[in-house]
Protein backbone atom coordinates (compact mmCIF):
# COMPACT_ATOMS: atom_id res chain seq x y z
CA MET A 1 6.90 -44.26 185.28
CA VAL A 2 6.74 -41.35 182.87
CA ASP A 3 9.59 -38.96 182.15
CA GLU A 4 10.53 -36.55 179.43
CA MET A 5 13.94 -36.03 177.97
CA TYR A 6 14.63 -32.85 176.07
CA LEU A 7 16.62 -33.13 172.88
CA GLN A 8 19.08 -30.94 171.10
CA LYS A 9 17.05 -29.85 168.11
CA SER A 10 18.54 -31.25 164.93
CA ALA A 11 17.58 -33.43 161.99
CA ASP A 12 19.74 -35.90 160.10
CA TYR A 13 19.27 -38.21 157.19
CA HIS A 14 19.73 -41.83 158.17
CA SER A 15 19.10 -44.75 155.79
CA GLY A 16 17.00 -42.56 153.53
CA ASP A 17 14.81 -41.18 156.35
CA LEU A 18 14.87 -37.76 158.00
CA VAL A 19 15.29 -38.35 161.76
CA GLY A 20 14.67 -35.70 164.44
CA CYS A 21 11.57 -33.97 163.09
CA ASP A 22 7.95 -34.61 162.21
CA GLU A 23 6.54 -35.02 158.67
CA SER A 24 6.37 -31.24 158.12
CA GLY A 25 10.00 -30.71 159.19
CA VAL A 26 9.31 -29.29 162.67
CA LEU A 27 12.14 -30.40 164.98
CA TYR A 28 11.28 -32.58 167.96
CA LYS A 29 11.52 -30.90 171.36
CA GLY A 30 11.90 -34.08 173.33
CA ILE A 31 11.00 -37.68 173.91
CA VAL A 32 8.53 -38.91 176.50
CA GLY A 33 9.33 -42.36 177.84
CA PHE A 34 6.95 -44.77 179.56
CA MET A 35 8.41 -47.53 181.72
CA ILE A 36 6.94 -50.29 183.83
CA VAL A 37 8.51 -51.50 187.05
CA GLY A 38 7.13 -54.56 188.84
CA LEU A 39 6.16 -54.48 192.50
CA LYS A 40 6.63 -58.23 193.08
CA LYS A 41 9.09 -59.13 190.31
CA SER A 42 11.95 -57.25 188.72
CA ILE A 43 10.30 -56.05 185.51
CA PRO A 44 11.99 -52.84 184.30
CA TYR A 45 10.91 -52.25 180.69
CA ILE A 46 10.48 -49.25 178.47
CA ILE A 47 7.04 -49.82 176.98
CA LYS A 48 6.79 -46.72 174.82
CA SER A 49 8.82 -43.68 173.86
CA ILE A 50 7.29 -40.91 171.78
CA PRO A 51 9.09 -38.00 170.13
CA GLU A 52 7.13 -34.79 170.46
CA VAL A 53 7.32 -31.24 169.11
CA LYS A 54 5.33 -29.71 171.97
CA ILE A 55 4.72 -31.60 175.21
CA GLU A 56 1.43 -30.44 176.78
CA GLY A 57 -0.78 -31.69 179.60
CA GLU A 58 -3.72 -32.79 177.43
CA TRP A 59 -1.47 -34.76 175.08
CA LEU A 60 0.38 -36.39 178.00
CA LYS A 61 -2.91 -37.26 179.75
CA ASP A 62 -4.09 -39.09 176.63
CA GLU A 63 -0.78 -40.95 176.29
CA ILE A 64 -0.75 -42.01 179.97
CA LEU A 65 -4.33 -43.31 179.71
CA LYS A 66 -3.53 -45.18 176.46
CA ALA A 67 -0.51 -46.80 178.12
CA ILE A 68 -2.62 -47.87 181.14
CA GLU A 69 -5.33 -49.27 178.86
CA THR A 70 -2.77 -51.18 176.79
CA LEU A 71 -1.10 -52.64 179.89
CA HIS A 72 -4.46 -53.70 181.34
CA SER A 73 -5.45 -55.32 178.03
CA ILE A 74 -2.38 -57.60 178.11
CA GLY A 75 -2.77 -58.62 181.76
CA PHE A 76 -0.75 -56.08 183.75
CA LYS A 77 -2.33 -54.43 186.80
CA VAL A 78 -1.26 -50.81 186.92
CA ARG A 79 -1.17 -49.61 190.54
CA CYS A 80 0.35 -46.16 190.13
CA VAL A 81 1.86 -43.66 187.73
CA VAL A 82 5.07 -41.91 188.81
CA ALA A 83 6.43 -38.73 187.25
CA ASP A 84 8.48 -35.74 188.27
CA ASN A 85 6.57 -32.58 189.15
CA HIS A 86 7.26 -30.76 185.89
CA SER A 87 4.34 -28.44 185.06
CA THR A 88 3.30 -30.65 182.11
CA ASN A 89 3.05 -33.71 184.37
CA VAL A 90 1.13 -31.74 187.02
CA SER A 91 -1.27 -30.60 184.29
CA ALA A 92 -1.67 -34.15 182.93
CA TYR A 93 -2.40 -35.54 186.41
CA SER A 94 -4.99 -32.82 187.00
CA LYS A 95 -6.65 -33.56 183.65
CA ILE A 96 -6.71 -37.31 184.37
CA LEU A 97 -8.38 -36.74 187.73
CA ASN A 98 -10.88 -34.35 186.16
CA ALA A 99 -11.67 -36.81 183.34
CA TYR A 100 -12.62 -39.45 185.93
CA GLY A 101 -14.60 -37.06 188.13
CA PHE A 102 -12.02 -36.64 190.89
CA LYS A 103 -10.70 -33.43 192.46
CA LYS A 104 -7.27 -32.10 191.44
CA ASP A 105 -5.91 -32.75 194.95
CA ASP A 106 -6.93 -36.41 195.00
CA LEU A 107 -4.10 -38.95 195.00
CA TYR A 108 -5.79 -41.57 192.83
CA PHE A 109 -8.51 -42.21 190.28
CA ILE A 110 -10.62 -45.25 189.46
CA THR A 111 -10.79 -46.47 185.86
CA GLN A 112 -13.86 -47.85 184.07
CA ASP A 113 -12.78 -51.41 184.93
CA GLY A 114 -12.64 -50.52 188.65
CA SER A 115 -8.84 -50.28 188.97
CA LYS A 116 -7.59 -47.81 191.56
CA ILE A 117 -4.51 -46.03 190.20
CA TYR A 118 -2.42 -43.65 192.33
CA LEU A 119 -0.64 -40.62 190.85
CA PHE A 120 2.73 -39.98 192.52
CA TYR A 121 5.56 -37.52 192.12
CA ASP A 122 8.94 -39.15 192.67
CA SER A 123 10.81 -38.22 195.84
CA VAL A 124 14.15 -37.61 194.13
CA HIS A 125 12.74 -34.73 192.08
CA LEU A 126 10.80 -33.37 195.07
CA MET A 127 14.03 -33.21 197.11
CA LYS A 128 15.79 -31.59 194.13
CA ASN A 129 13.09 -28.89 194.10
CA VAL A 130 13.56 -28.21 197.82
CA ARG A 131 17.33 -27.99 197.28
CA ASN A 132 16.96 -25.66 194.28
CA ASN A 133 14.56 -23.42 196.20
CA LEU A 134 17.07 -23.21 199.04
CA LEU A 135 19.94 -22.44 196.66
CA ASN A 136 18.03 -19.87 194.61
CA ASN A 137 15.75 -18.27 197.21
CA LYS A 138 17.60 -19.10 200.46
CA ARG A 139 14.33 -20.40 201.94
CA PHE A 140 11.50 -22.82 201.28
CA ILE A 141 8.02 -21.98 202.59
CA PHE A 142 5.50 -24.81 202.73
CA PRO A 143 1.76 -24.92 203.54
CA GLU A 144 -0.04 -27.02 206.13
CA PHE A 145 -0.73 -30.55 204.91
CA ASN A 146 -3.18 -33.12 206.28
CA PHE A 147 -4.00 -36.52 204.81
CA SER A 148 -5.94 -39.41 206.31
CA GLY A 149 -5.91 -41.96 203.47
CA PHE A 150 -3.14 -44.16 204.88
CA TYR A 151 -2.94 -46.41 207.96
CA ASP A 152 -1.69 -43.44 210.02
CA ASP A 153 -2.82 -39.87 209.46
CA ILE A 154 -0.24 -37.47 208.08
CA VAL A 155 -0.30 -34.02 209.68
CA CYS A 156 2.28 -31.36 208.89
CA GLU A 157 2.07 -27.79 210.11
CA SER A 158 3.03 -24.99 207.74
CA GLY A 159 6.54 -23.69 208.08
CA GLU A 160 9.76 -22.56 206.52
CA ILE A 161 13.14 -24.12 205.90
CA SER A 162 16.01 -21.70 205.57
CA TRP A 163 19.42 -22.28 203.98
CA LYS A 164 21.12 -21.27 207.26
CA LEU A 165 19.55 -24.33 208.96
């Protein structure tokens, strides 16, 4: 799982070190956290958190791929990456797929060692986006969606959800 947390910009001295900014004094914008969660065993661990001045898709792509490589090197089998659908995460996913020769609408990529890794957006944030669209725009218009990569095909006609429903 990958998620960003935005920080209140400030710097403080603590134990002789300046905390809250990079070496040149630029204040951190946020922290990006990387967490693993086991599918068969309860393994919830933060594996990496990185303060960042500017969180961009290319930077996040590189960090996600480094985290996957590190986890594979110590014996973990990464099956998927989960993030919210913030524009930076969408950009990073697109750049990962492109780097491995996949299309931006693909749901997975295959690493050099043959591992198939899915890229998911978490359902809680997706529902929050639908809710916010309904609150702010009073309607949510969605396109047709078809997918045949699972046991059963998924077919959804285009449509609209309105707040009055």
